[in-house]
C-alpha atoms as a PDB file:
ATOM      1  CA  MET A   1       0.099   0.055   0.137  1.00  0.00           C
ATOM      2  CA  LYS A   2       1.502   3.452  -1.131  1.00  0.00           C
ATOM      3  CA  ALA A   3       1.759   6.048   1.770  1.00  0.00           C
ATOM      4  CA  GLN A   4      -0.651   8.990   1.148  1.00  0.00           C
ATOM      5  CA  LYS A   5       0.201  12.670   0.945  1.00  0.00           C
ATOM      6  CA  TYR A   6      -1.941  14.888   3.525  1.00  0.00           C
ATOM      7  CA  HIS A   7      -2.367  18.668   3.508  1.00  0.00           C
ATOM      8  CA  ILE A   8      -1.201  18.502   6.955  1.00  0.00           C
ATOM      9  CA  LYS A   9       2.421  17.428   8.044  1.00  0.00           C
ATOM     10  CA  LYS A  10       3.907  17.409  11.518  1.00  0.00           C
ATOM     11  CA  ASN A  11       4.870  20.833  13.244  1.00  0.00           C
ATOM     12  CA  ASP A  12       2.273  22.502  11.274  1.00  0.00           C
ATOM     13  CA  THR A  13      -0.273  24.843  12.675  1.00  0.00           C
ATOM     14  CA  VAL A  14      -3.647  23.888  12.590  1.00  0.00           C
ATOM     15  CA  LEU A  15      -7.431  25.406  13.109  1.00  0.00           C
ATOM     16  CA  VAL A  16      -9.937  22.724  14.167  1.00  0.00           C
ATOM     17  CA  ILE A  17     -12.899  23.099  11.899  1.00  0.00           C
ATOM     18  CA  ALA A  18     -15.395  21.032  13.403  1.00  0.00           C
ATOM     19  CA  GLY A  19     -15.876  19.003  16.688  1.00  0.00           C
ATOM     20  CA  LYS A  20     -15.789  19.959  20.198  1.00  0.00           C
ATOM     21  CA  ASP A  21     -12.487  21.901  19.875  1.00  0.00           C
ATOM     22  CA  LYS A  22     -14.013  23.888  16.611  1.00  0.00           C
ATOM     23  CA  GLY A  23     -12.342  27.163  16.478  1.00  0.00           C
ATOM     24  CA  LYS A  24      -9.240  26.504  18.481  1.00  0.00           C
ATOM     25  CA  SER A  25      -5.820  26.009  17.094  1.00  0.00           C
ATOM     26  CA  GLY A  26      -2.279  24.087  17.741  1.00  0.00           C
ATOM     27  CA  LYS A  27       0.681  22.341  16.545  1.00  0.00           C
ATOM     28  CA  VAL A  28       0.593  18.955  15.211  1.00  0.00           C
ATOM     29  CA  LEU A  29       2.650  16.205  17.013  1.00  0.00           C
ATOM     30  CA  ARG A  30       1.946  13.316  15.095  1.00  0.00           C
ATOM     31  CA  VAL A  31       0.097  12.097  11.736  1.00  0.00           C
ATOM     32  CA  ILE A  32      -1.371   8.848  11.781  1.00  0.00           C
ATOM     33  CA  PRO A  33      -1.925   7.841   7.977  1.00  0.00           C
ATOM     34  CA  LYS A  34      -3.348   4.485   8.138  1.00  0.00           C
ATOM     35  CA  LYS A  35      -6.391   5.830  10.347  1.00  0.00           C
ATOM     36  CA  ASP A  36      -6.355   9.581   8.250  1.00  0.00           C
ATOM     37  CA  ARG A  37      -5.850  11.165  11.668  1.00  0.00           C
ATOM     38  CA  ALA A  38      -3.789  13.773  13.715  1.00  0.00           C
ATOM     39  CA  ILE A  39      -2.771  14.362  17.216  1.00  0.00           C
ATOM     40  CA  VAL A  40      -2.945  18.145  17.951  1.00  0.00           C
ATOM     41  CA  GLU A  41      -1.074  19.814  20.675  1.00  0.00           C
ATOM     42  CA  LYS A  42      -3.356  20.774  23.852  1.00  0.00           C
ATOM     43  CA  LEU A  43      -6.601  19.703  22.028  1.00  0.00           C
ATOM     44  CA  ASN A  44      -9.251  16.745  21.959  1.00  0.00           C
ATOM     45  CA  MET A  45      -7.944  15.782  25.390  1.00  0.00           C
ATOM     46  CA  ALA A  46      -8.993  12.505  26.690  1.00  0.00           C
ATOM     47  CA  LYS A  47      -8.716  10.872  30.010  1.00  0.00           C
ATOM     48  CA  ARG A  48      -6.954   7.421  30.257  1.00  0.00           C
ATOM     49  CA  HIS A  49      -7.389   5.451  33.665  1.00  0.00           C
ATOM     50  CA  LEU A  50      -4.123   3.601  34.454  1.00  0.00           C
ATOM     51  CA  LYS A  51      -3.526   0.912  36.628  1.00  0.00           C
ATOM     52  CA  PRO A  52      -0.299   0.823  39.088  1.00  0.00           C
ATOM     53  CA  SER A  53       2.509  -0.658  37.538  1.00  0.00           C
ATOM     54  CA  GLN A  54       6.308  -0.783  37.422  1.00  0.00           C
ATOM     55  CA  GLN A  55       6.944   2.532  35.315  1.00  0.00           C
ATOM     56  CA  ASN A  56       3.941   3.997  37.226  1.00  0.00           C
ATOM     57  CA  ARG A  57       3.698   3.073  40.670  1.00  0.00           C
ATOM     58  CA  GLN A  58       0.754   5.581  41.713  1.00  0.00           C
ATOM     59  CA  GLY A  59      -1.749   4.788  38.712  1.00  0.00           C
ATOM     60  CA  GLY A  60      -4.279   7.229  38.278  1.00  0.00           C
ATOM     61  CA  ILE A  61      -5.896   9.136  35.702  1.00  0.00           C
ATOM     62  CA  LEU A  62      -3.879  10.743  33.045  1.00  0.00           C
ATOM     63  CA  GLU A  63      -5.087  13.559  30.446  1.00  0.00           C
ATOM     64  CA  ARG A  64      -3.686  13.379  26.921  1.00  0.00           C
ATOM     65  CA  GLU A  65      -4.433  14.084  23.585  1.00  0.00           C
ATOM     66  CA  ALA A  66      -6.441  12.184  21.236  1.00  0.00           C
ATOM     67  CA  PRO A  67      -6.539  12.122  17.466  1.00  0.00           C
ATOM     68  CA  LEU A  68      -8.562  14.163  15.242  1.00  0.00           C
ATOM     69  CA  HIS A  69      -9.475  13.438  11.974  1.00  0.00           C
ATOM     70  CA  ILE A  70      -7.663  15.153   9.031  1.00  0.00           C
ATOM     71  CA  SER A  71     -10.780  16.436   7.430  1.00  0.00           C
ATOM     72  CA  ASN A  72     -11.493  18.247  10.457  1.00  0.00           C
ATOM     73  CA  LEU A  73      -8.152  20.387  10.403  1.00  0.00           C
ATOM     74  CA  LYS A  74      -7.124  23.442   7.985  1.00  0.00           C
ATOM     75  CA  LEU A  75      -3.460  24.573   7.588  1.00  0.00           C
ATOM     76  CA  ILE A  76      -2.680  28.204   9.282  1.00  0.00           C
ATOM     77  CA  CYS A  77      -0.357  29.629   6.224  1.00  0.00           C
ATOM     78  CA  THR A  78       2.959  30.934   8.161  1.00  0.00           C
ATOM     79  CA  LYS A  79       2.859  33.907   5.626  1.00  0.00           C
ATOM     80  CA  CYS A  80      -0.493  35.295   5.736  1.00  0.00           C
ATOM     81  CA  THR A  81      -1.587  33.646   9.060  1.00  0.00           C
ATOM     82  CA  ASP A  82      -4.998  32.963   7.759  1.00  0.00           C
ATOM     83  CA  PRO A  83      -6.605  29.319   7.541  1.00  0.00           C
ATOM     84  CA  THR A  84      -6.142  28.024   4.151  1.00  0.00           C
ATOM     85  CA  ARG A  85      -6.983  25.455   1.612  1.00  0.00           C
ATOM     86  CA  VAL A  86      -3.735  23.828   0.394  1.00  0.00           C
ATOM     87  CA  GLY A  87      -2.609  23.369  -3.317  1.00  0.00           C
ATOM     88  CA  TYR A  88       0.199  21.505  -4.588  1.00  0.00           C
ATOM     89  CA  ARG A  89       2.889  22.820  -7.503  1.00  0.00           C
ATOM     90  CA  ILE A  90       5.824  21.189  -9.138  1.00  0.00           C
ATOM     91  CA  LEU A  91       8.679  23.281  -9.250  1.00  0.00           C
ATOM     92  CA  GLU A  92      11.470  23.449 -11.893  1.00  0.00           C
ATOM     93  CA  ASP A  93      13.700  21.073  -9.830  1.00  0.00           C
ATOM     94  CA  ASN A  94      10.737  18.289  -9.846  1.00  0.00           C
ATOM     95  CA  ARG A  95       9.925  18.905  -6.060  1.00  0.00           C
ATOM     96  CA  LYS A  96       6.238  18.848  -5.193  1.00  0.00           C
ATOM     97  CA  VAL A  97       5.530  21.541  -2.720  1.00  0.00           C
ATOM     98  CA  ARG A  98       2.595  22.721  -0.936  1.00  0.00           C
ATOM     99  CA  TYR A  99       1.324  26.408  -1.537  1.00  0.00           C
ATOM    100  CA  CYS A 100      -1.265  28.668   0.294  1.00  0.00           C
ATOM    101  CA  LYS A 101      -4.423  29.145  -1.820  1.00  0.00           C
ATOM    102  CA  LYS A 102      -5.111  32.468  -0.241  1.00  0.00           C
ATOM    103  CA  CYS A 103      -1.988  34.270  -0.767  1.00  0.00           C
ATOM    104  CA  ASN A 104       0.047  31.883  -3.359  1.00  0.00           C
ATOM    105  CA  GLU A 105       2.975  31.656  -1.128  1.00  0.00           C
ATOM    106  CA  ILE A 106       4.877  28.147  -0.771  1.00  0.00           C
ATOM    107  CA  ILE A 107       4.358  26.419   2.533  1.00  0.00           C
ATOM    108  CA  ASP A 108       7.291  23.966   2.643  1.00  0.00           C
END
């Protein structure tokens, strides 16, 4: 199976456009291609109940980020600082790069 290309990559700043965190933005920590999801810093927090173990003697409730679907995220352009759709362009040196559809600037 060929790896899919997404409009969002690790370390991008994104805006959530649907769901309980709609309107909030954050940095992408990880993209999960097999499930079409991404984990965004400090968004979509979920509680995990942990049993006491060798690594975690105390146990208890841990709060951490849960994955969001990629379709619910919109890239925030670094140049114009607006949430934007992403286009693709092939440069003279045959590199495929992402660009902002609002300001026409290359993102990568």
